[in-house]
Amino acid sequence: MSGLDAGVVVDALAVDLAHEPLPAEVVRAGEPTTGIRELGVLRDVELGIWEMSEGAAVDTETDEVFIVLAGAARVDFTEPVLPSIEVRAGSVVRLTEGMRTLWTVHETLRKMYIT
């Protein structure tokens, strides 16, 4: 599956994601891997599914809204400094471009993102 066509159903929890190790310079704990599947673009907005296995890694964010489908993690905001959040299935979160984060995944986290 390369995209999401109108009228097509995708099981976001079952779709296979090919995982790759994260670069060593972003890993803070464990040996996390990530997988991604772009679902397409809707009026210049990208939709997709992203997953990270257990471990911790830093990231610089883009403008995004995501919905956690499965798993659990803590997200620490290092720039700007904001209170940490715990996310799990059902959590809806908005991130803004340039935010620096530390993701500590307790249980493989799968989310649908909108950027």
PDB file of N, CA and C in Angstrom:
ATOM      1  N   MET A   1       0.844  -1.178   0.000  1.00  0.00           N
ATOM      2  CA  MET A   1       0.000   0.000   0.000  1.00  0.00           C
ATOM      3  C   MET A   1       0.884   1.233   0.000  1.00  0.00           C
ATOM      4  N   SER A   2       0.726   2.090  -0.986  1.00  0.00           N
ATOM      5  CA  SER A   2       1.529   3.302  -1.037  1.00  0.00           C
ATOM      6  C   SER A   2       0.742   4.524  -0.613  1.00  0.00           C
ATOM      7  N   GLY A   3      -0.570   4.427  -0.649  1.00  0.00           N
ATOM      8  CA  GLY A   3      -1.379   5.577  -0.289  1.00  0.00           C
ATOM      9  C   GLY A   3      -2.759   5.129   0.142  1.00  0.00           C
ATOM     10  N   LEU A   4      -3.619   6.088   0.348  1.00  0.00           N
ATOM     11  CA  LEU A   4      -4.982   5.825   0.782  1.00  0.00           C
ATOM     12  C   LEU A   4      -5.911   6.450  -0.234  1.00  0.00           C
ATOM     13  N   ASP A   5      -6.608   5.635  -0.976  1.00  0.00           N
ATOM     14  CA  ASP A   5      -7.550   6.116  -1.978  1.00  0.00           C
ATOM     15  C   ASP A   5      -8.918   6.304  -1.351  1.00  0.00           C
ATOM     16  N   ALA A   6      -9.731   7.177  -1.954  1.00  0.00           N
ATOM     17  CA  ALA A   6     -11.087   7.415  -1.477  1.00  0.00           C
ATOM     18  C   ALA A   6     -11.864   6.106  -1.455  1.00  0.00           C
ATOM     19  N   GLY A   7     -12.574   5.857  -0.380  1.00  0.00           N
ATOM     20  CA  GLY A   7     -13.389   4.667  -0.254  1.00  0.00           C
ATOM     21  C   GLY A   7     -12.645   3.416   0.142  1.00  0.00           C
ATOM     22  N   VAL A   8     -11.350   3.516   0.422  1.00  0.00           N
ATOM     23  CA  VAL A   8     -10.543   2.362   0.797  1.00  0.00           C
ATOM     24  C   VAL A   8     -10.379   2.338   2.317  1.00  0.00           C
ATOM     25  N   VAL A   9     -10.519   1.162   2.892  1.00  0.00           N
ATOM     26  CA  VAL A   9     -10.350   1.006   4.335  1.00  0.00           C
ATOM     27  C   VAL A   9      -8.948   0.477   4.611  1.00  0.00           C
ATOM     28  N   VAL A  10      -8.265   1.091   5.577  1.00  0.00           N
ATOM     29  CA  VAL A  10      -6.949   0.634   6.014  1.00  0.00           C
ATOM     30  C   VAL A  10      -7.041   0.350   7.508  1.00  0.00           C
ATOM     31  N   ASP A  11      -6.593  -0.806   7.927  1.00  0.00           N
ATOM     32  CA  ASP A  11      -6.539  -1.134   9.346  1.00  0.00           C
ATOM     33  C   ASP A  11      -5.236  -0.561   9.891  1.00  0.00           C
ATOM     34  N   ALA A  12      -5.321   0.598  10.504  1.00  0.00           N
ATOM     35  CA  ALA A  12      -4.134   1.318  10.963  1.00  0.00           C
ATOM     36  C   ALA A  12      -3.354   0.557  12.030  1.00  0.00           C
ATOM     37  N   LEU A  13      -4.001  -0.368  12.709  1.00  0.00           N
ATOM     38  CA  LEU A  13      -3.311  -1.162  13.726  1.00  0.00           C
ATOM     39  C   LEU A  13      -2.612  -2.378  13.132  1.00  0.00           C
ATOM     40  N   ALA A  14      -3.043  -2.814  11.957  1.00  0.00           N
ATOM     41  CA  ALA A  14      -2.502  -4.041  11.382  1.00  0.00           C
ATOM     42  C   ALA A  14      -1.530  -3.808  10.227  1.00  0.00           C
ATOM     43  N   VAL A  15      -1.523  -2.607   9.648  1.00  0.00           N
ATOM     44  CA  VAL A  15      -0.661  -2.358   8.491  1.00  0.00           C
ATOM     45  C   VAL A  15       0.802  -2.566   8.882  1.00  0.00           C
ATOM     46  N   ASP A  16       1.537  -3.308   8.040  1.00  0.00           N
ATOM     47  CA  ASP A  16       2.949  -3.585   8.311  1.00  0.00           C
ATOM     48  C   ASP A  16       3.797  -2.335   8.107  1.00  0.00           C
ATOM     49  N   LEU A  17       4.709  -2.102   9.022  1.00  0.00           N
ATOM     50  CA  LEU A  17       5.659  -0.998   8.928  1.00  0.00           C
ATOM     51  C   LEU A  17       7.061  -1.573   8.998  1.00  0.00           C
ATOM     52  N   ALA A  18       7.880  -1.311   7.995  1.00  0.00           N
ATOM     53  CA  ALA A  18       9.271  -1.778   8.004  1.00  0.00           C
ATOM     54  C   ALA A  18      10.068  -0.873   8.941  1.00  0.00           C
ATOM     55  N   HIS A  19      10.596  -1.455  10.003  1.00  0.00           N
ATOM     56  CA  HIS A  19      11.349  -0.682  10.996  1.00  0.00           C
ATOM     57  C   HIS A  19      12.825  -0.590  10.637  1.00  0.00           C
ATOM     58  N   GLU A  20      13.407   0.542  10.999  1.00  0.00           N
ATOM     59  CA  GLU A  20      14.848   0.757  10.852  1.00  0.00           C
ATOM     60  C   GLU A  20      15.383   1.324  12.157  1.00  0.00           C
ATOM     61  N   PRO A  21      16.629   1.009  12.502  1.00  0.00           N
ATOM     62  CA  PRO A  21      17.222   1.586  13.718  1.00  0.00           C
ATOM     63  C   PRO A  21      17.339   3.105  13.585  1.00  0.00           C
ATOM     64  N   LEU A  22      17.207   3.775  14.707  1.00  0.00           N
ATOM     65  CA  LEU A  22      17.419   5.219  14.718  1.00  0.00           C
ATOM     66  C   LEU A  22      18.915   5.513  14.727  1.00  0.00           C
ATOM     67  N   PRO A  23      19.321   6.666  14.177  1.00  0.00           N
ATOM     68  CA  PRO A  23      20.743   7.028  14.223  1.00  0.00           C
ATOM     69  C   PRO A  23      21.228   7.131  15.673  1.00  0.00           C
ATOM     70  N   ALA A  24      22.436   6.673  15.921  1.00  0.00           N
ATOM     71  CA  ALA A  24      22.996   6.643  17.274  1.00  0.00           C
ATOM     72  C   ALA A  24      22.971   8.012  17.950  1.00  0.00           C
ATOM     73  N   GLU A  25      23.138   9.084  17.169  1.00  0.00           N
ATOM     74  CA  GLU A  25      23.199  10.419  17.776  1.00  0.00           C
ATOM     75  C   GLU A  25      21.874  10.899  18.366  1.00  0.00           C
ATOM     76  N   VAL A  26      20.749  10.249  18.029  1.00  0.00           N
ATOM     77  CA  VAL A  26      19.464  10.667  18.610  1.00  0.00           C
ATOM     78  C   VAL A  26      18.983   9.725  19.705  1.00  0.00           C
ATOM     79  N   VAL A  27      19.586   8.547  19.813  1.00  0.00           N
ATOM     80  CA  VAL A  27      19.163   7.552  20.803  1.00  0.00           C
ATOM     81  C   VAL A  27      19.700   7.932  22.184  1.00  0.00           C
ATOM     82  N   ARG A  28      18.808   7.880  23.174  1.00  0.00           N
ATOM     83  CA  ARG A  28      19.191   8.171  24.550  1.00  0.00           C
ATOM     84  C   ARG A  28      19.095   6.958  25.459  1.00  0.00           C
ATOM     85  N   ALA A  29      18.345   5.936  25.043  1.00  0.00           N
ATOM     86  CA  ALA A  29      18.234   4.699  25.826  1.00  0.00           C
ATOM     87  C   ALA A  29      17.721   3.587  24.931  1.00  0.00           C
ATOM     88  N   GLY A  30      18.212   2.382  25.181  1.00  0.00           N
ATOM     89  CA  GLY A  30      17.757   1.218  24.437  1.00  0.00           C
ATOM     90  C   GLY A  30      18.243   1.220  22.995  1.00  0.00           C
ATOM     91  N   GLU A  31      17.536   0.495  22.171  1.00  0.00           N
ATOM     92  CA  GLU A  31      17.841   0.393  20.740  1.00  0.00           C
ATOM     93  C   GLU A  31      16.556   0.579  19.938  1.00  0.00           C
ATOM     94  N   PRO A  32      15.920   1.764  20.053  1.00  0.00           N
ATOM     95  CA  PRO A  32      14.631   1.952  19.393  1.00  0.00           C
ATOM     96  C   PRO A  32      14.744   1.950  17.869  1.00  0.00           C
ATOM     97  N   THR A  33      13.664   1.480  17.259  1.00  0.00           N
ATOM     98  CA  THR A  33      13.530   1.515  15.804  1.00  0.00           C
ATOM     99  C   THR A  33      12.245   2.254  15.473  1.00  0.00           C
ATOM    100  N   THR A  34      12.157   2.736  14.240  1.00  0.00           N
ATOM    101  CA  THR A  34      10.929   3.390  13.798  1.00  0.00           C
ATOM    102  C   THR A  34      10.514   2.860  12.436  1.00  0.00           C
ATOM    103  N   GLY A  35       9.215   2.923  12.204  1.00  0.00           N
ATOM    104  CA  GLY A  35       8.644   2.570  10.914  1.00  0.00           C
ATOM    105  C   GLY A  35       7.616   3.613  10.535  1.00  0.00           C
ATOM    106  N   ILE A  36       7.452   3.827   9.250  1.00  0.00           N
ATOM    107  CA  ILE A  36       6.517   4.845   8.783  1.00  0.00           C
ATOM    108  C   ILE A  36       5.839   4.371   7.513  1.00  0.00           C
ATOM    109  N   ARG A  37       4.579   4.757   7.352  1.00  0.00           N
ATOM    110  CA  ARG A  37       3.839   4.479   6.129  1.00  0.00           C
ATOM    111  C   ARG A  37       3.027   5.726   5.800  1.00  0.00           C
ATOM    112  N   GLU A  38       3.415   6.399   4.725  1.00  0.00           N
ATOM    113  CA  GLU A  38       2.646   7.553   4.274  1.00  0.00           C
ATOM    114  C   GLU A  38       1.351   7.057   3.654  1.00  0.00           C
ATOM    115  N   LEU A  39       0.259   7.706   4.011  1.00  0.00           N
ATOM    116  CA  LEU A  39      -1.041   7.335   3.478  1.00  0.00           C
ATOM    117  C   LEU A  39      -1.469   8.235   2.331  1.00  0.00           C
ATOM    118  N   GLY A  40      -0.830   9.394   2.215  1.00  0.00           N
ATOM    119  CA  GLY A  40      -1.172  10.295   1.122  1.00  0.00           C
ATOM    120  C   GLY A  40      -1.232  11.740   1.566  1.00  0.00           C
ATOM    121  N   VAL A  41      -1.677  12.571   0.637  1.00  0.00           N
ATOM    122  CA  VAL A  41      -1.776  14.008   0.866  1.00  0.00           C
ATOM    123  C   VAL A  41      -3.204  14.430   0.567  1.00  0.00           C
ATOM    124  N   LEU A  42      -3.748  15.250   1.433  1.00  0.00           N
ATOM    125  CA  LEU A  42      -5.092  15.787   1.275  1.00  0.00           C
ATOM    126  C   LEU A  42      -4.991  17.299   1.401  1.00  0.00           C
ATOM    127  N   ARG A  43      -5.111  18.003   0.268  1.00  0.00           N
ATOM    128  CA  ARG A  43      -5.006  19.468   0.258  1.00  0.00           C
ATOM    129  C   ARG A  43      -3.747  19.958   0.962  1.00  0.00           C
ATOM    130  N   ASP A  44      -2.610  19.457   0.557  1.00  0.00           N
ATOM    131  CA  ASP A  44      -1.301  19.838   1.091  1.00  0.00           C
ATOM    132  C   ASP A  44      -1.040  19.373   2.518  1.00  0.00           C
ATOM    133  N   VAL A  45      -1.872  18.494   3.039  1.00  0.00           N
ATOM    134  CA  VAL A  45      -1.692  17.950   4.379  1.00  0.00           C
ATOM    135  C   VAL A  45      -1.327  16.476   4.238  1.00  0.00           C
ATOM    136  N   GLU A  46      -0.182  16.099   4.813  1.00  0.00           N
ATOM    137  CA  GLU A  46       0.273  14.708   4.728  1.00  0.00           C
ATOM    138  C   GLU A  46      -0.319  13.885   5.859  1.00  0.00           C
ATOM    139  N   LEU A  47      -0.760  12.677   5.511  1.00  0.00           N
ATOM    140  CA  LEU A  47      -1.322  11.740   6.474  1.00  0.00           C
ATOM    141  C   LEU A  47      -0.465  10.491   6.485  1.00  0.00           C
ATOM    142  N   GLY A  48      -0.287   9.902   7.652  1.00  0.00           N
ATOM    143  CA  GLY A  48       0.499   8.682   7.699  1.00  0.00           C
ATOM    144  C   GLY A  48       0.428   7.995   9.046  1.00  0.00           C
ATOM    145  N   ILE A  49       1.096   6.850   9.103  1.00  0.00           N
ATOM    146  CA  ILE A  49       1.195   6.064  10.331  1.00  0.00           C
ATOM    147  C   ILE A  49       2.673   5.948  10.678  1.00  0.00           C
ATOM    148  N   TRP A  50       3.000   6.182  11.947  1.00  0.00           N
ATOM    149  CA  TRP A  50       4.386   6.139  12.433  1.00  0.00           C
ATOM    150  C   TRP A  50       4.404   5.287  13.683  1.00  0.00           C
ATOM    151  N   GLU A  51       5.507   4.575  13.874  1.00  0.00           N
ATOM    152  CA  GLU A  51       5.636   3.702  15.029  1.00  0.00           C
ATOM    153  C   GLU A  51       7.071   3.745  15.544  1.00  0.00           C
ATOM    154  N   MET A  52       7.215   3.665  16.870  1.00  0.00           N
ATOM    155  CA  MET A  52       8.533   3.599  17.500  1.00  0.00           C
ATOM    156  C   MET A  52       8.506   2.496  18.539  1.00  0.00           C
ATOM    157  N   SER A  53       9.550   1.648  18.515  1.00  0.00           N
ATOM    158  CA  SER A  53       9.663   0.577  19.510  1.00  0.00           C
ATOM    159  C   SER A  53      10.208   1.153  20.828  1.00  0.00           C
ATOM    160  N   GLU A  54      10.258   0.310  21.836  1.00  0.00           N
ATOM    161  CA  GLU A  54      10.685   0.744  23.164  1.00  0.00           C
ATOM    162  C   GLU A  54      12.095   1.328  23.136  1.00  0.00           C
ATOM    163  N   GLY A  55      12.282   2.374  23.928  1.00  0.00           N
ATOM    164  CA  GLY A  55      13.556   3.072  24.027  1.00  0.00           C
ATOM    165  C   GLY A  55      13.308   4.562  24.128  1.00  0.00           C
ATOM    166  N   ALA A  56      14.387   5.341  24.013  1.00  0.00           N
ATOM    167  CA  ALA A  56      14.263   6.796  24.114  1.00  0.00           C
ATOM    168  C   ALA A  56      15.106   7.455  23.035  1.00  0.00           C
ATOM    169  N   ALA A  57      14.549   8.520  22.442  1.00  0.00           N
ATOM    170  CA  ALA A  57      15.257   9.242  21.381  1.00  0.00           C
ATOM    171  C   ALA A  57      14.763  10.679  21.331  1.00  0.00           C
ATOM    172  N   VAL A  58      15.664  11.562  20.902  1.00  0.00           N
ATOM    173  CA  VAL A  58      15.313  12.973  20.749  1.00  0.00           C
ATOM    174  C   VAL A  58      14.866  13.231  19.318  1.00  0.00           C
ATOM    175  N   ASP A  59      14.086  14.307  19.147  1.00  0.00           N
ATOM    176  CA  ASP A  59      13.574  14.668  17.825  1.00  0.00           C
ATOM    177  C   ASP A  59      13.337  16.167  17.770  1.00  0.00           C
ATOM    178  N   THR A  60      13.396  16.703  16.561  1.00  0.00           N
ATOM    179  CA  THR A  60      12.959  18.075  16.295  1.00  0.00           C
ATOM    180  C   THR A  60      11.684  17.958  15.478  1.00  0.00           C
ATOM    181  N   GLU A  61      10.613  18.541  15.971  1.00  0.00           N
ATOM    182  CA  GLU A  61       9.288  18.323  15.424  1.00  0.00           C
ATOM    183  C   GLU A  61       8.945  19.243  14.252  1.00  0.00           C
ATOM    184  N   THR A  62       7.897  18.834  13.524  1.00  0.00           N
ATOM    185  CA  THR A  62       7.262  19.665  12.513  1.00  0.00           C
ATOM    186  C   THR A  62       5.864  19.989  13.017  1.00  0.00           C
ATOM    187  N   ASP A  63       5.160  20.868  12.327  1.00  0.00           N
ATOM    188  CA  ASP A  63       3.762  21.124  12.681  1.00  0.00           C
ATOM    189  C   ASP A  63       2.984  19.830  12.461  1.00  0.00           C
ATOM    190  N   GLU A  64       2.358  19.346  13.511  1.00  0.00           N
ATOM    191  CA  GLU A  64       1.719  18.036  13.435  1.00  0.00           C
ATOM    192  C   GLU A  64       0.621  17.902  14.476  1.00  0.00           C
ATOM    193  N   VAL A  65      -0.403  17.183  14.112  1.00  0.00           N
ATOM    194  CA  VAL A  65      -1.379  16.670  15.061  1.00  0.00           C
ATOM    195  C   VAL A  65      -1.307  15.163  14.922  1.00  0.00           C
ATOM    196  N   PHE A  66      -1.279  14.451  16.051  1.00  0.00           N
ATOM    197  CA  PHE A  66      -1.280  12.997  15.968  1.00  0.00           C
ATOM    198  C   PHE A  66      -2.261  12.398  16.964  1.00  0.00           C
ATOM    199  N   ILE A  67      -2.691  11.184  16.613  1.00  0.00           N
ATOM    200  CA  ILE A  67      -3.599  10.410  17.441  1.00  0.00           C
ATOM    201  C   ILE A  67      -2.896   9.092  17.743  1.00  0.00           C
ATOM    202  N   VAL A  68      -2.703   8.795  19.016  1.00  0.00           N
ATOM    203  CA  VAL A  68      -2.063   7.539  19.394  1.00  0.00           C
ATOM    204  C   VAL A  68      -3.071   6.410  19.204  1.00  0.00           C
ATOM    205  N   LEU A  69      -2.651   5.420  18.438  1.00  0.00           N
ATOM    206  CA  LEU A  69      -3.497   4.257  18.166  1.00  0.00           C
ATOM    207  C   LEU A  69      -3.229   3.118  19.138  1.00  0.00           C
ATOM    208  N   ALA A  70      -1.959   2.970  19.536  1.00  0.00           N
ATOM    209  CA  ALA A  70      -1.576   1.881  20.441  1.00  0.00           C
ATOM    210  C   ALA A  70      -0.268   2.240  21.123  1.00  0.00           C
ATOM    211  N   GLY A  71      -0.025   1.636  22.281  1.00  0.00           N
ATOM    212  CA  GLY A  71       1.234   1.832  22.985  1.00  0.00           C
ATOM    213  C   GLY A  71       1.170   2.927  24.029  1.00  0.00           C
ATOM    214  N   ALA A  72       2.351   3.225  24.579  1.00  0.00           N
ATOM    215  CA  ALA A  72       2.439   4.232  25.635  1.00  0.00           C
ATOM    216  C   ALA A  72       3.833   4.844  25.638  1.00  0.00           C
ATOM    217  N   ALA A  73       3.883   6.149  25.920  1.00  0.00           N
ATOM    218  CA  ALA A  73       5.160   6.865  25.946  1.00  0.00           C
ATOM    219  C   ALA A  73       5.046   8.129  26.778  1.00  0.00           C
ATOM    220  N   ARG A  74       6.208   8.640  27.153  1.00  0.00           N
ATOM    221  CA  ARG A  74       6.301   9.975  27.764  1.00  0.00           C
ATOM    222  C   ARG A  74       7.017  10.853  26.747  1.00  0.00           C
ATOM    223  N   VAL A  75       6.517  12.062  26.596  1.00  0.00           N
ATOM    224  CA  VAL A  75       7.173  13.039  25.729  1.00  0.00           C
ATOM    225  C   VAL A  75       7.610  14.197  26.605  1.00  0.00           C
ATOM    226  N   ASP A  76       8.930  14.419  26.641  1.00  0.00           N
ATOM    227  CA  ASP A  76       9.495  15.555  27.375  1.00  0.00           C
ATOM    228  C   ASP A  76       9.793  16.657  26.362  1.00  0.00           C
ATOM    229  N   PHE A  77       9.415  17.876  26.704  1.00  0.00           N
ATOM    230  CA  PHE A  77       9.657  19.027  25.836  1.00  0.00           C
ATOM    231  C   PHE A  77      10.882  19.774  26.358  1.00  0.00           C
ATOM    232  N   THR A  78      11.949  19.788  25.548  1.00  0.00           N
ATOM    233  CA  THR A  78      13.182  20.431  25.982  1.00  0.00           C
ATOM    234  C   THR A  78      13.333  21.839  25.404  1.00  0.00           C
ATOM    235  N   GLU A  79      12.636  22.118  24.313  1.00  0.00           N
ATOM    236  CA  GLU A  79      12.656  23.465  23.728  1.00  0.00           C
ATOM    237  C   GLU A  79      11.394  23.653  22.912  1.00  0.00           C
ATOM    238  N   PRO A  80      10.470  24.497  23.329  1.00  0.00           N
ATOM    239  CA  PRO A  80      10.495  25.209  24.601  1.00  0.00           C
ATOM    240  C   PRO A  80      10.275  24.232  25.764  1.00  0.00           C
ATOM    241  N   VAL A  81      10.669  24.657  26.943  1.00  0.00           N
ATOM    242  CA  VAL A  81      10.494  23.822  28.123  1.00  0.00           C
ATOM    243  C   VAL A  81       9.018  23.871  28.519  1.00  0.00           C
ATOM    244  N   LEU A  82       8.387  22.712  28.448  1.00  0.00           N
ATOM    245  CA  LEU A  82       6.980  22.565  28.818  1.00  0.00           C
ATOM    246  C   LEU A  82       6.859  21.330  29.695  1.00  0.00           C
ATOM    247  N   PRO A  83       5.747  21.182  30.402  1.00  0.00           N
ATOM    248  CA  PRO A  83       5.564  19.968  31.202  1.00  0.00           C
ATOM    249  C   PRO A  83       5.544  18.727  30.310  1.00  0.00           C
ATOM    250  N   SER A  84       6.083  17.636  30.822  1.00  0.00           N
ATOM    251  CA  SER A  84       6.055  16.358  30.105  1.00  0.00           C
ATOM    252  C   SER A  84       4.621  15.875  29.994  1.00  0.00           C
ATOM    253  N   ILE A  85       4.376  15.052  28.962  1.00  0.00           N
ATOM    254  CA  ILE A  85       3.054  14.455  28.810  1.00  0.00           C
ATOM    255  C   ILE A  85       3.204  12.941  28.682  1.00  0.00           C
ATOM    256  N   GLU A  86       2.209  12.235  29.135  1.00  0.00           N
ATOM    257  CA  GLU A  86       2.108  10.789  28.945  1.00  0.00           C
ATOM    258  C   GLU A  86       1.039  10.572  27.889  1.00  0.00           C
ATOM    259  N   VAL A  87       1.358   9.758  26.888  1.00  0.00           N
ATOM    260  CA  VAL A  87       0.391   9.478  25.836  1.00  0.00           C
ATOM    261  C   VAL A  87       0.126   7.981  25.756  1.00  0.00           C
ATOM    262  N   ARG A  88      -1.076   7.629  25.342  1.00  0.00           N
ATOM    263  CA  ARG A  88      -1.505   6.235  25.201  1.00  0.00           C
ATOM    264  C   ARG A  88      -2.608   6.220  24.148  1.00  0.00           C
ATOM    265  N   ALA A  89      -3.110   5.046  23.829  1.00  0.00           N
ATOM    266  CA  ALA A  89      -4.166   4.931  22.832  1.00  0.00           C
ATOM    267  C   ALA A  89      -5.292   5.915  23.141  1.00  0.00           C
ATOM    268  N   GLY A  90      -5.645   6.694  22.142  1.00  0.00           N
ATOM    269  CA  GLY A  90      -6.692   7.697  22.295  1.00  0.00           C
ATOM    270  C   GLY A  90      -6.178   9.112  22.499  1.00  0.00           C
ATOM    271  N   SER A  91      -4.911   9.277  22.873  1.00  0.00           N
ATOM    272  CA  SER A  91      -4.355  10.624  23.083  1.00  0.00           C
ATOM    273  C   SER A  91      -4.255  11.365  21.754  1.00  0.00           C
ATOM    274  N   VAL A  92      -4.626  12.643  21.779  1.00  0.00           N
ATOM    275  CA  VAL A  92      -4.495  13.517  20.624  1.00  0.00           C
ATOM    276  C   VAL A  92      -3.568  14.648  21.031  1.00  0.00           C
ATOM    277  N   VAL A  93      -2.516  14.886  20.245  1.00  0.00           N
ATOM    278  CA  VAL A  93      -1.487  15.853  20.619  1.00  0.00           C
ATOM    279  C   VAL A  93      -1.170  16.740  19.415  1.00  0.00           C
ATOM    280  N   ARG A  94      -0.923  18.027  19.692  1.00  0.00           N
ATOM    281  CA  ARG A  94      -0.451  18.945  18.663  1.00  0.00           C
ATOM    282  C   ARG A  94       0.982  19.346  18.981  1.00  0.00           C
ATOM    283  N   LEU A  95       1.849  19.261  17.971  1.00  0.00           N
ATOM    284  CA  LEU A  95       3.232  19.708  18.081  1.00  0.00           C
ATOM    285  C   LEU A  95       3.439  20.843  17.085  1.00  0.00           C
ATOM    286  N   THR A  96       4.388  21.730  17.382  1.00  0.00           N
ATOM    287  CA  THR A  96       4.678  22.811  16.449  1.00  0.00           C
ATOM    288  C   THR A  96       6.117  22.714  15.950  1.00  0.00           C
ATOM    289  N   GLU A  97       6.321  23.231  14.761  1.00  0.00           N
ATOM    290  CA  GLU A  97       7.631  23.147  14.120  1.00  0.00           C
ATOM    291  C   GLU A  97       8.726  23.727  15.005  1.00  0.00           C
ATOM    292  N   GLY A  98       9.819  22.985  15.112  1.00  0.00           N
ATOM    293  CA  GLY A  98      10.976  23.439  15.873  1.00  0.00           C
ATOM    294  C   GLY A  98      11.021  22.951  17.306  1.00  0.00           C
ATOM    295  N   MET A  99       9.897  22.437  17.816  1.00  0.00           N
ATOM    296  CA  MET A  99       9.929  21.894  19.179  1.00  0.00           C
ATOM    297  C   MET A  99      10.980  20.802  19.246  1.00  0.00           C
ATOM    298  N   ARG A 100      11.718  20.754  20.356  1.00  0.00           N
ATOM    299  CA  ARG A 100      12.699  19.678  20.571  1.00  0.00           C
ATOM    300  C   ARG A 100      12.113  18.793  21.665  1.00  0.00           C
ATOM    301  N   THR A 101      12.085  17.510  21.381  1.00  0.00           N
ATOM    302  CA  THR A 101      11.426  16.566  22.278  1.00  0.00           C
ATOM    303  C   THR A 101      12.314  15.368  22.572  1.00  0.00           C
ATOM    304  N   LEU A 102      11.996  14.714  23.686  1.00  0.00           N
ATOM    305  CA  LEU A 102      12.591  13.429  24.036  1.00  0.00           C
ATOM    306  C   LEU A 102      11.427  12.461  24.205  1.00  0.00           C
ATOM    307  N   TRP A 103      11.402  11.443  23.344  1.00  0.00           N
ATOM    308  CA  TRP A 103      10.366  10.416  23.382  1.00  0.00           C
ATOM    309  C   TRP A 103      10.907   9.202  24.148  1.00  0.00           C
ATOM    310  N   THR A 104      10.232   8.838  25.238  1.00  0.00           N
ATOM    311  CA  THR A 104      10.565   7.629  25.973  1.00  0.00           C
ATOM    312  C   THR A 104       9.384   6.680  25.814  1.00  0.00           C
ATOM    313  N   VAL A 105       9.580   5.674  24.967  1.00  0.00           N
ATOM    314  CA  VAL A 105       8.500   4.748  24.636  1.00  0.00           C
ATOM    315  C   VAL A 105       8.568   3.553  25.584  1.00  0.00           C
ATOM    316  N   HIS A 106       7.463   3.360  26.326  1.00  0.00           N
ATOM    317  CA  HIS A 106       7.366   2.266  27.296  1.00  0.00           C
ATOM    318  C   HIS A 106       6.826   1.001  26.638  1.00  0.00           C
ATOM    319  N   GLU A 107       5.940   1.187  25.670  1.00  0.00           N
ATOM    320  CA  GLU A 107       5.303   0.090  24.929  1.00  0.00           C
ATOM    321  C   GLU A 107       5.190   0.580  23.497  1.00  0.00           C
ATOM    322  N   THR A 108       5.626  -0.209  22.522  1.00  0.00           N
ATOM    323  CA  THR A 108       5.682   0.237  21.127  1.00  0.00           C
ATOM    324  C   THR A 108       4.514   1.155  20.808  1.00  0.00           C
ATOM    325  N   LEU A 109       4.838   2.358  20.347  1.00  0.00           N
ATOM    326  CA  LEU A 109       3.862   3.422  20.122  1.00  0.00           C
ATOM    327  C   LEU A 109       3.557   3.525  18.635  1.00  0.00           C
ATOM    328  N   ARG A 110       2.283   3.463  18.302  1.00  0.00           N
ATOM    329  CA  ARG A 110       1.838   3.657  16.922  1.00  0.00           C
ATOM    330  C   ARG A 110       0.887   4.834  16.908  1.00  0.00           C
ATOM    331  N   LYS A 111       1.099   5.743  15.974  1.00  0.00           N
ATOM    332  CA  LYS A 111       0.244   6.920  15.879  1.00  0.00           C
ATOM    333  C   LYS A 111      -0.096   7.197  14.425  1.00  0.00           C
ATOM    334  N   MET A 112      -1.218   7.854  14.221  1.00  0.00           N
ATOM    335  CA  MET A 112      -1.557   8.403  12.920  1.00  0.00           C
ATOM    336  C   MET A 112      -1.230   9.877  13.010  1.00  0.00           C
ATOM    337  N   TYR A 113      -0.453  10.355  12.030  1.00  0.00           N
ATOM    338  CA  TYR A 113      -0.061  11.762  12.050  1.00  0.00           C
ATOM    339  C   TYR A 113      -0.684  12.538  10.906  1.00  0.00           C
ATOM    340  N   ILE A 114      -0.845  13.810  11.153  1.00  0.00           N
ATOM    341  CA  ILE A 114      -1.359  14.758  10.163  1.00  0.00           C
ATOM    342  C   ILE A 114      -0.407  15.943  10.199  1.00  0.00           C
ATOM    343  N   THR A 115       0.327  16.157   9.081  1.00  0.00           N
ATOM    344  CA  THR A 115       1.299  17.263   9.047  1.00  0.00           C
ATOM    345  C   THR A 115       1.047  18.183   7.870  1.00  0.00           C
TER     346      THR A 115
END
